[in-house]
Amino acid sequence: MNSPTLDRLHTLGFTAMAAEWLRQQQDPGLAPLSFDERLALLVDAEWLARDNRRFTRRLQEAHLRLPATPEGIDYSVPRQWNTTVVRQLTQALWVAHHQTVLITGPTGVGKSYLACALGHAACRRHHRVRYYRVPRLLADGLVARQEGQWFRWLAQLLRYDLLILDDWAVHPLSLDESRDLLEILDDRYQAKATLIASQIPQERWHEWFPDPTVAEAVLDRVVHQAYQVAMQGESMRKVLPNPSTSGTTEPTTTA
């Protein structure tokens, strides 16, 4: 009966269950288990395999800039941040609550790594994530507008539970770009989560916008009740030794 059963399991797409069933046949230590207990092991194997595949797809879809994980965050490096808040954010509850996280700090202090680690954590919690550098986001928006796909593109962005916007306020905005950014963030306000990472202090963000009215509207939506992680210290490129000898999981090339 083994061959027909295996064939049917594979035909139904239960490949992990088939592999677990074979493993059980070869493990005499499982003989004392009841039918219900062995069935539970089969179901657990299939469920875990499918959950891992879904997680892999979410991670690929996120396009995270760095292969960062919550476990890879190095809390031993002095960065003058609130580690309690950071550890809380790695639980990704703020994503489910449609909140905002603002990460600021000088170049190289680890903002992009932290942003991607929080994105990775959100993927683990079954959230859809999308990472963008702001210049690339606005460029994609411009193409969508030119092709008559602007509203469709906005709807696609809104499907992501978490939108990560890195390199915020790095390059000057045009008036049209600032208005596009307002529209994107207005859609997400209290509906989806957003993470912003910037090397420019928050109090200077107004300077980035050519129109003070648009600036006020955007900042009202992203700063209101946001978690704020202000990072300080030297560049990680200088602080950390060679990764091949240090054993640290946080790379030296983070922004």
C-alpha atoms as a PDB file:
ATOM      1  CA  MET A   1       0.000   0.000   0.000  1.00  0.00           C
ATOM      2  CA  ASN A   2       2.954   2.317   0.451  1.00  0.00           C
ATOM      3  CA  SER A   3       3.449   3.278  -3.171  1.00  0.00           C
ATOM      4  CA  PRO A   4      -0.181   4.219  -3.986  1.00  0.00           C
ATOM      5  CA  THR A   5      -0.468   6.177  -0.742  1.00  0.00           C
ATOM      6  CA  LEU A   6       2.731   8.095  -1.423  1.00  0.00           C
ATOM      7  CA  ASP A   7       1.647   8.800  -4.988  1.00  0.00           C
ATOM      8  CA  ARG A   8      -1.682  10.186  -3.795  1.00  0.00           C
ATOM      9  CA  LEU A   9      -0.051  12.345  -1.142  1.00  0.00           C
ATOM     10  CA  HIS A  10       2.273  13.843  -3.763  1.00  0.00           C
ATOM     11  CA  THR A  11      -0.605  14.312  -6.202  1.00  0.00           C
ATOM     12  CA  LEU A  12      -2.522  16.198  -3.507  1.00  0.00           C
ATOM     13  CA  GLY A  13       0.540  18.368  -2.840  1.00  0.00           C
ATOM     14  CA  PHE A  14       1.217  16.914   0.625  1.00  0.00           C
ATOM     15  CA  THR A  15       4.923  16.422  -0.021  1.00  0.00           C
ATOM     16  CA  ALA A  16       6.028  17.162   3.541  1.00  0.00           C
ATOM     17  CA  MET A  17       3.405  14.795   4.905  1.00  0.00           C
ATOM     18  CA  ALA A  18       4.673  12.083   2.542  1.00  0.00           C
ATOM     19  CA  ALA A  19       8.255  12.627   3.719  1.00  0.00           C
ATOM     20  CA  GLU A  20       7.155  12.498   7.365  1.00  0.00           C
ATOM     21  CA  TRP A  21       5.178   9.316   6.729  1.00  0.00           C
ATOM     22  CA  LEU A  22       8.262   7.646   5.266  1.00  0.00           C
ATOM     23  CA  ARG A  23      10.299   8.817   8.239  1.00  0.00           C
ATOM     24  CA  GLN A  24       7.788   7.264  10.611  1.00  0.00           C
ATOM     25  CA  GLN A  25       7.963   3.945   8.764  1.00  0.00           C
ATOM     26  CA  GLN A  26      11.716   3.859   9.325  1.00  0.00           C
ATOM     27  CA  ASP A  27      11.672   4.900  12.990  1.00  0.00           C
ATOM     28  CA  PRO A  28      10.830   1.981  15.295  1.00  0.00           C
ATOM     29  CA  GLY A  29      10.740   4.365  18.236  1.00  0.00           C
ATOM     30  CA  LEU A  30       7.425   5.760  16.961  1.00  0.00           C
ATOM     31  CA  ALA A  31       5.684   2.367  17.048  1.00  0.00           C
ATOM     32  CA  PRO A  32       4.205   2.864  20.552  1.00  0.00           C
ATOM     33  CA  LEU A  33       2.458   6.078  19.442  1.00  0.00           C
ATOM     34  CA  SER A  34      -1.269   5.993  18.833  1.00  0.00           C
ATOM     35  CA  PHE A  35      -2.821   6.635  15.429  1.00  0.00           C
ATOM     36  CA  ASP A  36      -3.918  10.119  16.540  1.00  0.00           C
ATOM     37  CA  GLU A  37      -0.409  10.983  17.736  1.00  0.00           C
ATOM     38  CA  ARG A  38       1.222   9.883  14.499  1.00  0.00           C
ATOM     39  CA  LEU A  39      -1.426  11.679  12.459  1.00  0.00           C
ATOM     40  CA  ALA A  40      -0.687  14.846  14.427  1.00  0.00           C
ATOM     41  CA  LEU A  41       2.996  14.522  13.503  1.00  0.00           C
ATOM     42  CA  LEU A  42       2.049  14.172   9.838  1.00  0.00           C
ATOM     43  CA  VAL A  43      -0.186  17.235   9.913  1.00  0.00           C
ATOM     44  CA  ASP A  44       2.398  19.274  11.826  1.00  0.00           C
ATOM     45  CA  ALA A  45       5.083  18.439   9.259  1.00  0.00           C
ATOM     46  CA  GLU A  46       2.883  19.558   6.364  1.00  0.00           C
ATOM     47  CA  TRP A  47       1.727  22.706   8.146  1.00  0.00           C
ATOM     48  CA  LEU A  48       5.294  23.720   9.059  1.00  0.00           C
ATOM     49  CA  ALA A  49       6.578  23.126   5.527  1.00  0.00           C
ATOM     50  CA  ARG A  50       3.807  25.226   4.004  1.00  0.00           C
ATOM     51  CA  ASP A  51       4.288  27.984   6.567  1.00  0.00           C
ATOM     52  CA  ASN A  52       8.008  28.081   5.770  1.00  0.00           C
ATOM     53  CA  ARG A  53       7.266  28.345   2.048  1.00  0.00           C
ATOM     54  CA  ARG A  54       4.849  31.215   2.663  1.00  0.00           C
ATOM     55  CA  PHE A  55       7.456  32.965   4.809  1.00  0.00           C
ATOM     56  CA  THR A  56      10.067  32.559   2.066  1.00  0.00           C
ATOM     57  CA  ARG A  57       7.692  34.098  -0.479  1.00  0.00           C
ATOM     58  CA  ARG A  58       6.927  37.029   1.833  1.00  0.00           C
ATOM     59  CA  LEU A  59      10.633  37.607   2.389  1.00  0.00           C
ATOM     60  CA  GLN A  60      11.348  37.574  -1.351  1.00  0.00           C
ATOM     61  CA  GLU A  61       8.443  39.939  -2.000  1.00  0.00           C
ATOM     62  CA  ALA A  62       9.751  42.381   0.634  1.00  0.00           C
ATOM     63  CA  HIS A  63      12.969  43.105  -1.335  1.00  0.00           C
ATOM     64  CA  LEU A  64      14.784  43.925   1.910  1.00  0.00           C
ATOM     65  CA  ARG A  65      18.069  45.701   1.278  1.00  0.00           C
ATOM     66  CA  LEU A  66      19.980  43.606   3.825  1.00  0.00           C
ATOM     67  CA  PRO A  67      19.632  40.006   5.083  1.00  0.00           C
ATOM     68  CA  ALA A  68      18.921  41.305   8.576  1.00  0.00           C
ATOM     69  CA  THR A  69      17.146  39.437  11.375  1.00  0.00           C
ATOM     70  CA  PRO A  70      15.975  40.430  14.879  1.00  0.00           C
ATOM     71  CA  GLU A  71      18.536  38.016  16.325  1.00  0.00           C
ATOM     72  CA  GLY A  72      21.286  39.762  14.368  1.00  0.00           C
ATOM     73  CA  ILE A  73      20.761  43.139  16.024  1.00  0.00           C
ATOM     74  CA  ASP A  74      23.894  43.893  18.048  1.00  0.00           C
ATOM     75  CA  TYR A  75      22.844  45.534  21.296  1.00  0.00           C
ATOM     76  CA  SER A  76      26.407  45.569  22.645  1.00  0.00           C
ATOM     77  CA  VAL A  77      27.491  48.439  20.378  1.00  0.00           C
ATOM     78  CA  PRO A  78      26.848  51.802  22.109  1.00  0.00           C
ATOM     79  CA  ARG A  79      24.274  53.647  20.021  1.00  0.00           C
ATOM     80  CA  GLN A  80      22.407  55.579  22.731  1.00  0.00           C
ATOM     81  CA  TRP A  81      19.071  54.092  21.737  1.00  0.00           C
ATOM     82  CA  ASN A  82      16.241  52.685  23.815  1.00  0.00           C
ATOM     83  CA  THR A  83      16.893  48.950  23.575  1.00  0.00           C
ATOM     84  CA  THR A  84      13.625  48.168  25.367  1.00  0.00           C
ATOM     85  CA  VAL A  85      11.670  49.878  22.592  1.00  0.00           C
ATOM     86  CA  VAL A  86      13.723  48.133  19.891  1.00  0.00           C
ATOM     87  CA  ARG A  87      13.142  44.700  21.421  1.00  0.00           C
ATOM     88  CA  GLN A  88       9.442  45.494  21.648  1.00  0.00           C
ATOM     89  CA  LEU A  89       9.351  46.495  17.980  1.00  0.00           C
ATOM     90  CA  THR A  90      10.870  43.157  16.927  1.00  0.00           C
ATOM     91  CA  GLN A  91       7.609  41.517  18.074  1.00  0.00           C
ATOM     92  CA  ALA A  92       5.878  43.321  15.149  1.00  0.00           C
ATOM     93  CA  LEU A  93       2.712  44.082  17.114  1.00  0.00           C
ATOM     94  CA  TRP A  94       2.956  47.673  15.898  1.00  0.00           C
ATOM     95  CA  VAL A  95       2.472  46.420  12.337  1.00  0.00           C
ATOM     96  CA  ALA A  96      -0.834  44.785  13.235  1.00  0.00           C
ATOM     97  CA  HIS A  97      -1.885  48.028  14.953  1.00  0.00           C
ATOM     98  CA  HIS A  98      -1.087  50.100  11.826  1.00  0.00           C
ATOM     99  CA  GLN A  99       1.473  52.269  13.593  1.00  0.00           C
ATOM    100  CA  THR A 100       4.584  54.113  12.418  1.00  0.00           C
ATOM    101  CA  VAL A 101       8.254  53.741  13.355  1.00  0.00           C
ATOM    102  CA  LEU A 102      10.803  56.509  12.769  1.00  0.00           C
ATOM    103  CA  ILE A 103      14.505  55.581  12.820  1.00  0.00           C
ATOM    104  CA  THR A 104      17.020  58.423  12.714  1.00  0.00           C
ATOM    105  CA  GLY A 105      20.762  58.628  13.106  1.00  0.00           C
ATOM    106  CA  PRO A 106      24.027  59.452  11.325  1.00  0.00           C
ATOM    107  CA  THR A 107      25.370  57.524   8.361  1.00  0.00           C
ATOM    108  CA  GLY A 108      26.612  54.018   9.114  1.00  0.00           C
ATOM    109  CA  VAL A 109      25.064  53.704  12.572  1.00  0.00           C
ATOM    110  CA  GLY A 110      22.839  50.784  11.542  1.00  0.00           C
ATOM    111  CA  LYS A 111      19.496  52.324  10.519  1.00  0.00           C
ATOM    112  CA  SER A 112      19.009  50.239   7.388  1.00  0.00           C
ATOM    113  CA  TYR A 113      19.945  47.046   9.211  1.00  0.00           C
ATOM    114  CA  LEU A 114      17.425  47.747  11.952  1.00  0.00           C
ATOM    115  CA  ALA A 115      14.749  48.655   9.395  1.00  0.00           C
ATOM    116  CA  CYS A 116      15.310  45.406   7.505  1.00  0.00           C
ATOM    117  CA  ALA A 117      15.415  43.380  10.733  1.00  0.00           C
ATOM    118  CA  LEU A 118      12.010  44.787  11.691  1.00  0.00           C
ATOM    119  CA  GLY A 119      10.774  43.992   8.189  1.00  0.00           C
ATOM    120  CA  HIS A 120      12.024  40.417   8.599  1.00  0.00           C
ATOM    121  CA  ALA A 121      10.204  40.179  11.935  1.00  0.00           C
ATOM    122  CA  ALA A 122       6.984  41.374  10.285  1.00  0.00           C
ATOM    123  CA  CYS A 123       7.324  38.698   7.590  1.00  0.00           C
ATOM    124  CA  ARG A 124       7.591  36.084  10.321  1.00  0.00           C
ATOM    125  CA  ARG A 125       4.303  37.356  11.730  1.00  0.00           C
ATOM    126  CA  HIS A 126       2.591  36.710   8.390  1.00  0.00           C
ATOM    127  CA  HIS A 127       2.605  40.363   7.279  1.00  0.00           C
ATOM    128  CA  ARG A 128       3.301  41.489   3.730  1.00  0.00           C
ATOM    129  CA  VAL A 129       6.269  43.876   3.632  1.00  0.00           C
ATOM    130  CA  ARG A 130       7.834  46.093   0.963  1.00  0.00           C
ATOM    131  CA  TYR A 131      11.155  47.912   1.285  1.00  0.00           C
ATOM    132  CA  TYR A 132      11.852  51.024  -0.775  1.00  0.00           C
ATOM    133  CA  ARG A 133      14.497  53.675  -0.898  1.00  0.00           C
ATOM    134  CA  VAL A 134      12.473  56.887  -1.173  1.00  0.00           C
ATOM    135  CA  PRO A 135      14.106  58.002  -4.465  1.00  0.00           C
ATOM    136  CA  ARG A 136      13.206  54.630  -6.032  1.00  0.00           C
ATOM    137  CA  LEU A 137       9.657  54.800  -4.643  1.00  0.00           C
ATOM    138  CA  LEU A 138       9.098  58.205  -6.224  1.00  0.00           C
ATOM    139  CA  ALA A 139      10.678  57.108  -9.500  1.00  0.00           C
ATOM    140  CA  ASP A 140       8.366  54.085  -9.672  1.00  0.00           C
ATOM    141  CA  GLY A 141       5.430  56.358  -8.873  1.00  0.00           C
ATOM    142  CA  LEU A 142       6.389  58.692 -11.708  1.00  0.00           C
ATOM    143  CA  VAL A 143       6.510  55.791 -14.173  1.00  0.00           C
ATOM    144  CA  ALA A 144       3.116  54.561 -12.969  1.00  0.00           C
ATOM    145  CA  ARG A 145       1.644  58.040 -13.450  1.00  0.00           C
ATOM    146  CA  GLN A 146       3.117  58.386 -16.938  1.00  0.00           C
ATOM    147  CA  GLU A 147       1.693  54.998 -17.916  1.00  0.00           C
ATOM    148  CA  GLY A 148      -1.743  55.842 -16.544  1.00  0.00           C
ATOM    149  CA  GLN A 149      -1.355  53.299 -13.726  1.00  0.00           C
ATOM    150  CA  TRP A 150      -1.077  55.707 -10.788  1.00  0.00           C
ATOM    151  CA  PHE A 151      -4.188  54.647  -8.881  1.00  0.00           C
ATOM    152  CA  ARG A 152      -3.524  50.979  -9.558  1.00  0.00           C
ATOM    153  CA  TRP A 153       0.032  51.411  -8.251  1.00  0.00           C
ATOM    154  CA  LEU A 154      -1.271  53.138  -5.100  1.00  0.00           C
ATOM    155  CA  ALA A 155      -3.665  50.245  -4.540  1.00  0.00           C
ATOM    156  CA  GLN A 156      -0.780  47.793  -4.884  1.00  0.00           C
ATOM    157  CA  LEU A 157       1.240  49.677  -2.260  1.00  0.00           C
ATOM    158  CA  LEU A 158      -1.709  49.597   0.098  1.00  0.00           C
ATOM    159  CA  ARG A 159      -1.751  45.803   0.009  1.00  0.00           C
ATOM    160  CA  TYR A 160       1.485  45.768   1.996  1.00  0.00           C
ATOM    161  CA  ASP A 161       0.976  45.631   5.755  1.00  0.00           C
ATOM    162  CA  LEU A 162       4.332  47.374   6.221  1.00  0.00           C
ATOM    163  CA  LEU A 163       5.986  49.862   3.880  1.00  0.00           C
ATOM    164  CA  ILE A 164       9.643  50.597   4.716  1.00  0.00           C
ATOM    165  CA  LEU A 165      10.915  53.944   3.413  1.00  0.00           C
ATOM    166  CA  ASP A 166      14.699  54.183   3.666  1.00  0.00           C
ATOM    167  CA  ASP A 167      16.908  57.170   2.765  1.00  0.00           C
ATOM    168  CA  TRP A 168      14.153  59.605   3.748  1.00  0.00           C
ATOM    169  CA  ALA A 169      15.024  63.285   3.174  1.00  0.00           C
ATOM    170  CA  VAL A 170      18.321  62.501   1.436  1.00  0.00           C
ATOM    171  CA  HIS A 171      17.631  64.293  -1.867  1.00  0.00           C
ATOM    172  CA  PRO A 172      15.523  67.449  -2.399  1.00  0.00           C
ATOM    173  CA  LEU A 173      11.913  66.857  -3.428  1.00  0.00           C
ATOM    174  CA  SER A 174      10.087  68.504  -6.271  1.00  0.00           C
ATOM    175  CA  LEU A 175       6.597  69.820  -5.580  1.00  0.00           C
ATOM    176  CA  ASP A 176       5.037  66.940  -7.544  1.00  0.00           C
ATOM    177  CA  GLU A 177       7.114  64.366  -5.664  1.00  0.00           C
ATOM    178  CA  SER A 178       6.103  65.822  -2.304  1.00  0.00           C
ATOM    179  CA  ARG A 179       2.441  65.657  -3.283  1.00  0.00           C
ATOM    180  CA  ASP A 180       2.842  62.058  -4.447  1.00  0.00           C
ATOM    181  CA  LEU A 181       4.465  61.180  -1.130  1.00  0.00           C
ATOM    182  CA  LEU A 182       1.587  62.826   0.722  1.00  0.00           C
ATOM    183  CA  GLU A 183      -0.921  60.755  -1.225  1.00  0.00           C
ATOM    184  CA  ILE A 184       0.955  57.527  -0.476  1.00  0.00           C
ATOM    185  CA  LEU A 185       1.181  58.260   3.235  1.00  0.00           C
ATOM    186  CA  ASP A 186      -2.361  59.556   3.478  1.00  0.00           C
ATOM    187  CA  ASP A 187      -3.613  56.207   2.165  1.00  0.00           C
ATOM    188  CA  ARG A 188      -1.647  54.369   4.850  1.00  0.00           C
ATOM    189  CA  TYR A 189      -2.479  56.636   7.782  1.00  0.00           C
ATOM    190  CA  GLN A 190      -4.146  54.505  10.504  1.00  0.00           C
ATOM    191  CA  ALA A 191      -4.765  51.796   7.883  1.00  0.00           C
ATOM    192  CA  LYS A 192      -1.317  50.245   7.375  1.00  0.00           C
ATOM    193  CA  ALA A 193       2.067  50.387   9.098  1.00  0.00           C
ATOM    194  CA  THR A 194       4.981  52.497   7.836  1.00  0.00           C
ATOM    195  CA  LEU A 195       8.661  52.587   8.816  1.00  0.00           C
ATOM    196  CA  ILE A 196      10.843  55.575   7.935  1.00  0.00           C
ATOM    197  CA  ALA A 197      14.648  55.605   8.230  1.00  0.00           C
ATOM    198  CA  SER A 198      16.593  58.841   7.795  1.00  0.00           C
ATOM    199  CA  GLN A 199      20.007  60.299   8.543  1.00  0.00           C
ATOM    200  CA  ILE A 200      18.377  63.740   8.818  1.00  0.00           C
ATOM    201  CA  PRO A 201      17.046  64.658  12.283  1.00  0.00           C
ATOM    202  CA  GLN A 202      13.278  64.838  12.446  1.00  0.00           C
ATOM    203  CA  GLU A 203      13.258  68.532  13.314  1.00  0.00           C
ATOM    204  CA  ARG A 204      14.817  69.266   9.900  1.00  0.00           C
ATOM    205  CA  TRP A 205      12.375  67.260   7.787  1.00  0.00           C
ATOM    206  CA  HIS A 206      10.364  70.383   6.972  1.00  0.00           C
ATOM    207  CA  GLU A 207      13.329  71.634   4.928  1.00  0.00           C
ATOM    208  CA  TRP A 208      12.960  68.664   2.590  1.00  0.00           C
ATOM    209  CA  PHE A 209       9.592  69.841   1.262  1.00  0.00           C
ATOM    210  CA  PRO A 210       9.243  72.751  -1.173  1.00  0.00           C
ATOM    211  CA  ASP A 211       5.740  73.553   0.136  1.00  0.00           C
ATOM    212  CA  PRO A 212       5.349  74.086   3.916  1.00  0.00           C
ATOM    213  CA  THR A 213       1.676  73.100   3.717  1.00  0.00           C
ATOM    214  CA  VAL A 214       2.510  69.723   2.187  1.00  0.00           C
ATOM    215  CA  ALA A 215       5.311  69.275   4.707  1.00  0.00           C
ATOM    216  CA  GLU A 216       2.929  69.861   7.592  1.00  0.00           C
ATOM    217  CA  ALA A 217       0.388  67.418   6.151  1.00  0.00           C
ATOM    218  CA  VAL A 218       2.971  64.663   5.615  1.00  0.00           C
ATOM    219  CA  LEU A 219       4.638  65.037   8.996  1.00  0.00           C
ATOM    220  CA  ASP A 220       1.297  65.132  10.772  1.00  0.00           C
ATOM    221  CA  ARG A 221       0.587  61.671   9.369  1.00  0.00           C
ATOM    222  CA  VAL A 222       3.974  60.076  10.074  1.00  0.00           C
ATOM    223  CA  VAL A 223       5.029  61.660  13.367  1.00  0.00           C
ATOM    224  CA  HIS A 224       1.696  61.430  15.190  1.00  0.00           C
ATOM    225  CA  GLN A 225       1.944  58.672  17.840  1.00  0.00           C
ATOM    226  CA  ALA A 226       4.978  57.130  16.111  1.00  0.00           C
ATOM    227  CA  TYR A 227       7.619  55.001  17.804  1.00  0.00           C
ATOM    228  CA  GLN A 228      10.902  56.866  17.564  1.00  0.00           C
ATOM    229  CA  VAL A 229      14.322  55.233  17.594  1.00  0.00           C
ATOM    230  CA  ALA A 230      17.090  57.847  17.648  1.00  0.00           C
ATOM    231  CA  MET A 231      20.470  56.198  17.072  1.00  0.00           C
ATOM    232  CA  GLN A 232      23.801  57.841  17.841  1.00  0.00           C
ATOM    233  CA  GLY A 233      27.438  56.808  17.866  1.00  0.00           C
ATOM    234  CA  GLU A 234      30.183  56.149  15.365  1.00  0.00           C
ATOM    235  CA  SER A 235      29.694  54.412  12.067  1.00  0.00           C
ATOM    236  CA  MET A 236      29.450  50.638  12.386  1.00  0.00           C
ATOM    237  CA  ARG A 237      32.124  50.462   9.714  1.00  0.00           C
ATOM    238  CA  LYS A 238      34.554  51.884  12.266  1.00  0.00           C
ATOM    239  CA  VAL A 239      33.192  50.335  15.468  1.00  0.00           C
ATOM    240  CA  LEU A 240      32.948  46.693  14.436  1.00  0.00           C
ATOM    241  CA  PRO A 241      36.012  44.557  13.677  1.00  0.00           C
ATOM    242  CA  ASN A 242      36.268  42.343  10.623  1.00  0.00           C
ATOM    243  CA  PRO A 243      33.106  40.163  10.530  1.00  0.00           C
ATOM    244  CA  SER A 244      35.177  37.088   9.697  1.00  0.00           C
ATOM    245  CA  THR A 245      36.853  37.302  13.094  1.00  0.00           C
ATOM    246  CA  SER A 246      34.257  39.000  15.287  1.00  0.00           C
ATOM    247  CA  GLY A 247      31.395  36.556  14.818  1.00  0.00           C
ATOM    248  CA  THR A 248      28.865  39.384  14.857  1.00  0.00           C
ATOM    249  CA  THR A 249      25.761  39.001  12.691  1.00  0.00           C
ATOM    250  CA  GLU A 250      25.241  42.704  12.085  1.00  0.00           C
ATOM    251  CA  PRO A 251      27.309  43.763   9.053  1.00  0.00           C
ATOM    252  CA  THR A 252      29.647  46.716   8.870  1.00  0.00           C
ATOM    253  CA  THR A 253      28.020  48.162   5.751  1.00  0.00           C
ATOM    254  CA  THR A 254      24.694  49.294   7.210  1.00  0.00           C
ATOM    255  CA  ALA A 255      23.477  52.841   6.697  1.00  0.00           C
END
